[in-house]
Amino acid sequence: MAVFGVPHERWSETPLAAVVLRREADVTAEALRDWINERVGARYQRVSAVAILAEFPRNAAGKILKRELGEPYWAGRGAQI
C-alpha cells in the first residue's frame, strides 16, 4: 500500500491510498477505505479514497514512485477527490 496526497476542494490536499491486491483477494475500494479509516487514530490521516492497481510504478531499486501515482490527480487538478 502507498499513501499520497491528492487535490481536494475544501482542504487543498487529502490522503489517497493505492493498493495492489493479491490474486485471491475479493474486496471493494470502499470496503478497504472503511477498514483503513477504522484503524487510523487521527481524523486528518484518514484516506478519502482507495485506488486498486494492477502494480505499482517502481524505480530500479524497487521503491514505489509515489510522484508517478499522484501525477494524474495533480495534472491540471482536474481529477479532484
C-alpha atoms as a PDB file:
ATOM      1  CA  MET A   1       0.000   0.000   0.000  1.00  0.00           C
ATOM      2  CA  ALA A   2       1.142   3.545  -0.740  1.00  0.00           C
ATOM      3  CA  VAL A   3      -0.494   6.696   0.647  1.00  0.00           C
ATOM      4  CA  PHE A   4      -0.013  10.088  -1.015  1.00  0.00           C
ATOM      5  CA  GLY A   5      -1.722  13.465  -1.172  1.00  0.00           C
ATOM      6  CA  VAL A   6      -4.187  14.412  -3.899  1.00  0.00           C
ATOM      7  CA  PRO A   7      -6.027  17.707  -4.512  1.00  0.00           C
ATOM      8  CA  HIS A   8      -9.186  18.395  -2.528  1.00  0.00           C
ATOM      9  CA  GLU A   9     -11.554  21.356  -2.945  1.00  0.00           C
ATOM     10  CA  ARG A  10     -12.058  22.028   0.758  1.00  0.00           C
ATOM     11  CA  TRP A  11      -8.712  21.075   2.355  1.00  0.00           C
ATOM     12  CA  SER A  12      -6.451  21.646  -0.682  1.00  0.00           C
ATOM     13  CA  GLU A  13      -4.979  18.148  -0.193  1.00  0.00           C
ATOM     14  CA  THR A  14      -6.241  14.823   1.175  1.00  0.00           C
ATOM     15  CA  PRO A  15      -4.693  11.343   1.577  1.00  0.00           C
ATOM     16  CA  LEU A  16      -5.398   8.652  -1.010  1.00  0.00           C
ATOM     17  CA  ALA A  17      -4.288   5.032  -0.612  1.00  0.00           C
ATOM     18  CA  ALA A  18      -3.174   2.935  -3.577  1.00  0.00           C
ATOM     19  CA  VAL A  19      -3.130  -0.836  -3.153  1.00  0.00           C
ATOM     20  CA  VAL A  20      -2.249  -3.888  -5.212  1.00  0.00           C
ATOM     21  CA  LEU A  21      -4.445  -6.857  -4.322  1.00  0.00           C
ATOM     22  CA  ARG A  22      -3.342 -10.444  -4.178  1.00  0.00           C
ATOM     23  CA  ARG A  23      -4.897 -12.609  -6.841  1.00  0.00           C
ATOM     24  CA  GLU A  24      -7.239 -14.343  -4.431  1.00  0.00           C
ATOM     25  CA  ALA A  25      -8.461 -11.107  -2.807  1.00  0.00           C
ATOM     26  CA  ASP A  26     -12.034 -10.043  -3.476  1.00  0.00           C
ATOM     27  CA  VAL A  27     -12.692  -6.661  -1.865  1.00  0.00           C
ATOM     28  CA  THR A  28     -14.007  -3.272  -2.979  1.00  0.00           C
ATOM     29  CA  ALA A  29     -12.192   0.041  -2.740  1.00  0.00           C
ATOM     30  CA  GLU A  30     -14.912   1.356  -0.417  1.00  0.00           C
ATOM     31  CA  ALA A  31     -14.546  -1.610   1.954  1.00  0.00           C
ATOM     32  CA  LEU A  32     -10.777  -1.096   2.045  1.00  0.00           C
ATOM     33  CA  ARG A  33     -11.201   2.634   2.740  1.00  0.00           C
ATOM     34  CA  ASP A  34     -13.532   1.890   5.651  1.00  0.00           C
ATOM     35  CA  TRP A  35     -11.161  -0.779   7.029  1.00  0.00           C
ATOM     36  CA  ILE A  36      -8.172   1.588   6.863  1.00  0.00           C
ATOM     37  CA  ASN A  37     -10.047   4.519   8.414  1.00  0.00           C
ATOM     38  CA  GLU A  38     -11.256   2.385  11.347  1.00  0.00           C
ATOM     39  CA  ARG A  39      -7.603   1.826  12.269  1.00  0.00           C
ATOM     40  CA  VAL A  40      -6.277   5.372  11.854  1.00  0.00           C
ATOM     41  CA  GLY A  41      -6.321   7.447  15.028  1.00  0.00           C
ATOM     42  CA  ALA A  42      -6.143  10.997  13.699  1.00  0.00           C
ATOM     43  CA  ARG A  43      -9.028  12.236  11.581  1.00  0.00           C
ATOM     44  CA  TYR A  44      -6.732  14.179   9.222  1.00  0.00           C
ATOM     45  CA  GLN A  45      -4.866  10.944   8.414  1.00  0.00           C
ATOM     46  CA  ARG A  46      -7.951   9.100   7.175  1.00  0.00           C
ATOM     47  CA  VAL A  47      -7.904   8.315   3.474  1.00  0.00           C
ATOM     48  CA  SER A  48     -10.596   9.823   1.287  1.00  0.00           C
ATOM     49  CA  ALA A  49     -10.393   7.085  -1.329  1.00  0.00           C
ATOM     50  CA  VAL A  50      -8.586   3.884  -2.271  1.00  0.00           C
ATOM     51  CA  ALA A  51      -7.272   3.147  -5.762  1.00  0.00           C
ATOM     52  CA  ILE A  52      -6.837  -0.532  -6.647  1.00  0.00           C
ATOM     53  CA  LEU A  53      -3.959  -1.001  -9.093  1.00  0.00           C
ATOM     54  CA  ALA A  54      -2.543  -3.920 -11.057  1.00  0.00           C
ATOM     55  CA  GLU A  55       1.000  -2.954  -9.996  1.00  0.00           C
ATOM     56  CA  PHE A  56       2.974  -0.047  -8.546  1.00  0.00           C
ATOM     57  CA  PRO A  57       5.398   2.047 -10.601  1.00  0.00           C
ATOM     58  CA  ARG A  58       8.857   1.349  -9.157  1.00  0.00           C
ATOM     59  CA  ASN A  59      12.379   2.650  -9.627  1.00  0.00           C
ATOM     60  CA  ALA A  60      15.448   0.470 -10.271  1.00  0.00           C
ATOM     61  CA  ALA A  61      15.857  -0.167  -6.533  1.00  0.00           C
ATOM     62  CA  GLY A  62      12.236  -1.337  -6.230  1.00  0.00           C
ATOM     63  CA  LYS A  63      10.974   1.740  -4.384  1.00  0.00           C
ATOM     64  CA  ILE A  64       7.369   2.778  -5.116  1.00  0.00           C
ATOM     65  CA  LEU A  65       7.237   6.025  -7.111  1.00  0.00           C
ATOM     66  CA  LYS A  66       4.521   7.996  -5.298  1.00  0.00           C
ATOM     67  CA  ARG A  67       5.074  11.006  -7.546  1.00  0.00           C
ATOM     68  CA  GLU A  68       4.017   8.943 -10.570  1.00  0.00           C
ATOM     69  CA  LEU A  69       0.987   7.642  -8.674  1.00  0.00           C
ATOM     70  CA  GLY A  70      -0.129  11.197  -7.867  1.00  0.00           C
ATOM     71  CA  GLU A  71       0.562  12.813 -11.257  1.00  0.00           C
ATOM     72  CA  PRO A  72      -2.873  12.076 -12.795  1.00  0.00           C
ATOM     73  CA  TYR A  73      -4.569  13.766  -9.832  1.00  0.00           C
ATOM     74  CA  TRP A  74      -2.372  16.881  -9.911  1.00  0.00           C
ATOM     75  CA  ALA A  75      -2.208  17.325 -13.696  1.00  0.00           C
ATOM     76  CA  GLY A  76      -4.495  20.300 -14.234  1.00  0.00           C
ATOM     77  CA  ARG A  77      -6.113  19.462 -10.892  1.00  0.00           C
ATOM     78  CA  GLY A  78      -8.982  18.008 -12.917  1.00  0.00           C
ATOM     79  CA  ALA A  79      -9.350  14.719 -11.040  1.00  0.00           C
ATOM     80  CA  GLN A  80     -10.099  16.052  -7.564  1.00  0.00           C
ATOM     81  CA  ILE A  81     -11.449  13.807  -4.841  1.00  0.00           C
END
